[in-house]
Amino acid sequence: MQSTFQIEKRKRSIKQWLAFFMAMLIVSGITVMPAEWELSIATKFFSEDSFIGSWLHEIYTAIRNTSSRYPYLFYGYDWLVFAHIVLAIAFVGPYKDPVKNKWVIEFGAIACLLIIPFALIAGYFRDIPFWWRLIDCSFGILGLVPLGICHNKIVELERMENQSEKQFEEFNNLVTHQQNKLS
């Protein structure tokens, strides 16, 4: 018989992983907004002659020039941040009731998997270096870790809750049967 303590412990663990995932989703979105400032810092750590440095300097120059001449194009970045926040909010459902909202975890895992072909294909057509596309792919892979852990814990929680319900029904049936015998 699964104890209520074990079920609650499992729910608490799921909530911790989901809170971590939601926070990272929001943080990864918010970091888009100060892209020019972040790139100005990143370029100081890499020589323009280095493999990574040449790419970062090129991107920084493009961002800086675009920002000064066409700042409204960065409105797309603002919507990207908004999308990250909205997606994080979707995980409030499984945070509240993991078993009922397991589909949200599955949706998130599918989205993480889709990052890989999207980054590889779209990156190819946008002339993004392959090594940078692999970095983008890593976000999907990293997102799968907490979602996979949550999914496995939810499946186990589902099993534990079903087993507890079955045992509770058996107990109720036994009590009813005993009461009927006494009547």
Protein backbone atom coordinates (compact mmCIF):
# COMPACT_ATOMS: atom_id res chain seq x y z
CA MET A 1 0.00 0.00 0.00
CA GLN A 2 1.37 3.38 -1.02
CA SER A 3 1.31 5.88 1.78
CA THR A 4 -0.02 9.38 1.42
CA PHE A 5 3.46 10.53 2.43
CA GLN A 6 5.04 8.82 -0.60
CA ILE A 7 2.44 10.33 -2.93
CA GLU A 8 2.96 13.81 -1.49
CA LYS A 9 6.75 13.40 -1.68
CA ARG A 10 6.44 12.52 -5.36
CA LYS A 11 4.17 15.53 -6.00
CA ARG A 12 6.62 17.83 -4.23
CA SER A 13 9.48 16.54 -6.39
CA ILE A 14 7.43 17.09 -9.56
CA LYS A 15 6.62 20.64 -8.44
CA GLN A 16 10.30 21.38 -7.80
CA TRP A 17 11.33 20.16 -11.26
CA LEU A 18 8.49 22.07 -12.91
CA ALA A 19 9.33 25.27 -11.02
CA PHE A 20 12.93 24.90 -12.20
CA PHE A 21 11.83 24.30 -15.80
CA MET A 22 9.40 27.24 -15.77
CA ALA A 23 12.03 29.56 -14.29
CA MET A 24 14.62 28.53 -16.89
CA LEU A 25 12.07 29.00 -19.68
CA ILE A 26 11.34 32.53 -18.48
CA VAL A 27 15.02 33.37 -17.94
CA SER A 28 15.98 32.05 -21.38
CA GLY A 29 13.29 34.28 -22.88
CA ILE A 30 14.16 37.40 -20.91
CA THR A 31 17.83 37.16 -21.85
CA VAL A 32 16.84 37.96 -25.45
CA MET A 33 15.86 41.55 -24.63
CA PRO A 34 19.33 42.92 -23.77
CA ALA A 35 20.97 41.08 -26.68
CA GLU A 36 23.09 44.05 -27.78
CA TRP A 37 24.42 44.65 -24.27
CA GLU A 38 25.05 40.92 -23.70
CA LEU A 39 26.93 40.63 -26.98
CA SER A 40 29.03 43.70 -26.16
CA ILE A 41 30.17 41.89 -23.01
CA ALA A 42 30.65 38.51 -24.70
CA THR A 43 32.85 40.02 -27.43
CA LYS A 44 35.28 41.24 -24.75
CA PHE A 45 36.05 37.65 -23.77
CA PHE A 46 36.95 36.43 -27.26
CA SER A 47 39.49 37.74 -29.69
CA GLU A 48 38.05 38.79 -33.04
CA ASP A 49 40.58 36.43 -34.62
CA SER A 50 39.24 33.39 -32.76
CA PHE A 51 36.69 30.94 -34.08
CA ILE A 52 33.91 32.00 -31.66
CA GLY A 53 35.08 35.61 -31.41
CA SER A 54 34.76 36.31 -35.13
CA TRP A 55 31.16 35.05 -35.08
CA LEU A 56 30.25 36.98 -31.92
CA HIS A 57 31.80 40.18 -33.27
CA GLU A 58 29.90 39.80 -36.55
CA ILE A 59 26.61 39.26 -34.71
CA TYR A 60 27.29 42.14 -32.33
CA THR A 61 28.01 44.50 -35.23
CA ALA A 62 24.80 43.42 -36.99
CA ILE A 63 22.73 43.84 -33.81
CA ARG A 64 24.27 47.23 -33.01
CA ASN A 65 23.75 48.56 -36.55
CA THR A 66 20.21 47.21 -36.75
CA SER A 67 19.37 48.61 -33.32
CA SER A 68 20.54 52.10 -34.23
CA ARG A 69 18.84 52.16 -37.65
CA TYR A 70 15.81 49.88 -37.27
CA PRO A 71 14.97 49.46 -33.56
CA TYR A 72 11.43 48.34 -34.35
CA LEU A 73 12.80 45.03 -35.68
CA PHE A 74 13.59 44.09 -32.09
CA TYR A 75 9.89 44.07 -31.36
CA GLY A 76 10.12 40.46 -32.58
CA TYR A 77 12.47 39.79 -29.65
CA ASP A 78 9.85 41.23 -27.31
CA TRP A 79 7.30 38.77 -28.66
CA LEU A 80 9.81 35.95 -28.24
CA VAL A 81 10.08 36.87 -24.55
CA PHE A 82 6.29 36.96 -24.32
CA ALA A 83 6.07 33.49 -25.88
CA HIS A 84 8.53 32.08 -23.34
CA ILE A 85 6.51 33.53 -20.47
CA VAL A 86 3.21 32.22 -21.87
CA LEU A 87 4.70 28.76 -22.39
CA ALA A 88 5.98 28.78 -18.80
CA ILE A 89 2.47 29.64 -17.60
CA ALA A 90 1.14 26.55 -19.40
CA PHE A 91 3.13 24.44 -16.94
CA VAL A 92 1.09 25.79 -14.02
CA GLY A 93 -1.49 23.10 -14.90
CA PRO A 94 0.82 20.15 -14.22
CA TYR A 95 2.24 22.05 -11.24
CA LYS A 96 -1.25 22.04 -9.69
CA ASP A 97 -2.37 18.59 -10.84
CA PRO A 98 0.41 16.58 -12.49
CA VAL A 99 -1.60 13.47 -13.36
CA LYS A 100 -4.52 15.35 -14.91
CA ASN A 101 -2.18 17.62 -16.90
CA LYS A 102 0.46 15.11 -17.94
CA TRP A 103 -0.28 16.09 -21.55
CA VAL A 104 1.34 19.50 -20.96
CA ILE A 105 4.61 17.74 -20.06
CA GLU A 106 4.30 15.64 -23.22
CA PHE A 107 3.60 18.79 -25.27
CA GLY A 108 6.71 20.43 -23.78
CA ALA A 109 8.82 17.38 -24.58
CA ILE A 110 7.60 17.40 -28.18
CA ALA A 111 8.44 21.11 -28.43
CA CYS A 112 11.93 20.41 -27.05
CA LEU A 113 12.45 17.65 -29.61
CA LEU A 114 11.25 19.92 -32.43
CA ILE A 115 13.94 22.46 -31.55
CA ILE A 116 16.51 20.11 -33.06
CA PRO A 117 15.23 19.90 -36.65
CA PHE A 118 14.07 23.51 -36.53
CA ALA A 119 17.49 24.82 -35.47
CA LEU A 120 19.29 22.64 -37.99
CA ILE A 121 17.01 23.51 -40.93
CA ALA A 122 16.25 27.19 -40.23
CA GLY A 123 19.86 27.76 -39.17
CA TYR A 124 21.06 26.34 -42.47
CA PHE A 125 18.89 28.75 -44.49
CA ARG A 126 19.95 31.71 -42.29
CA ASP A 127 23.67 30.86 -42.66
CA ILE A 128 24.09 30.12 -38.97
CA PRO A 129 27.30 28.15 -38.38
CA PHE A 130 26.70 24.48 -37.68
CA TRP A 131 28.41 24.64 -34.28
CA TRP A 132 26.02 27.43 -33.25
CA ARG A 133 23.03 25.39 -34.42
CA LEU A 134 24.26 22.59 -32.16
CA ILE A 135 24.25 25.05 -29.23
CA ASP A 136 20.64 25.92 -30.11
CA CYS A 137 19.79 22.21 -30.27
CA SER A 138 21.24 21.76 -26.79
CA PHE A 139 18.44 23.93 -25.35
CA GLY A 140 15.92 21.35 -26.53
CA ILE A 141 17.98 18.51 -25.16
CA LEU A 142 18.47 20.27 -21.83
CA GLY A 143 14.73 20.99 -21.62
CA LEU A 144 14.02 17.28 -22.06
CA VAL A 145 15.88 16.45 -18.85
CA PRO A 146 13.50 18.05 -16.31
CA LEU A 147 10.47 17.21 -18.45
CA GLY A 148 11.55 13.58 -18.74
CA ILE A 149 12.09 13.36 -15.00
CA CYS A 150 8.66 14.92 -14.39
CA HIS A 151 6.98 12.59 -16.87
CA ASN A 152 8.49 9.51 -15.24
CA LYS A 153 7.51 10.74 -11.78
CA ILE A 154 3.97 11.51 -12.98
CA VAL A 155 3.59 8.01 -14.44
CA GLU A 156 4.73 6.57 -11.11
CA LEU A 157 2.42 8.94 -9.21
CA GLU A 158 -0.47 7.87 -11.43
CA ARG A 159 0.27 4.23 -10.64
CA MET A 160 0.53 4.95 -6.91
CA GLU A 161 -2.75 6.90 -6.87
CA ASN A 162 -4.56 4.17 -8.80
CA GLN A 163 -3.23 1.54 -6.42
CA SER A 164 -4.31 3.60 -3.39
CA GLU A 165 -7.79 4.12 -4.88
CA LYS A 166 -8.12 0.40 -5.57
CA GLN A 167 -7.08 -0.48 -2.00
CA PHE A 168 -9.48 2.14 -0.63
CA GLU A 169 -12.33 0.62 -2.69
CA GLU A 170 -11.46 -2.87 -1.47
CA PHE A 171 -11.50 -1.63 2.12
CA ASN A 172 -14.87 0.11 1.61
CA ASN A 173 -16.31 -3.03 0.02
CA LEU A 174 -15.08 -5.10 2.97
CA VAL A 175 -16.62 -2.68 5.49
CA THR A 176 -19.91 -2.60 3.56
CA HIS A 177 -19.94 -6.38 3.37
CA GLN A 178 -19.33 -6.66 7.15
CA GLN A 179 -22.06 -4.10 7.85
CA ASN A 180 -24.49 -6.05 5.66
CA LYS A 181 -23.66 -9.27 7.51
CA LEU A 182 -24.40 -7.59 10.84
CA SER A 183 -27.72 -6.13 9.68
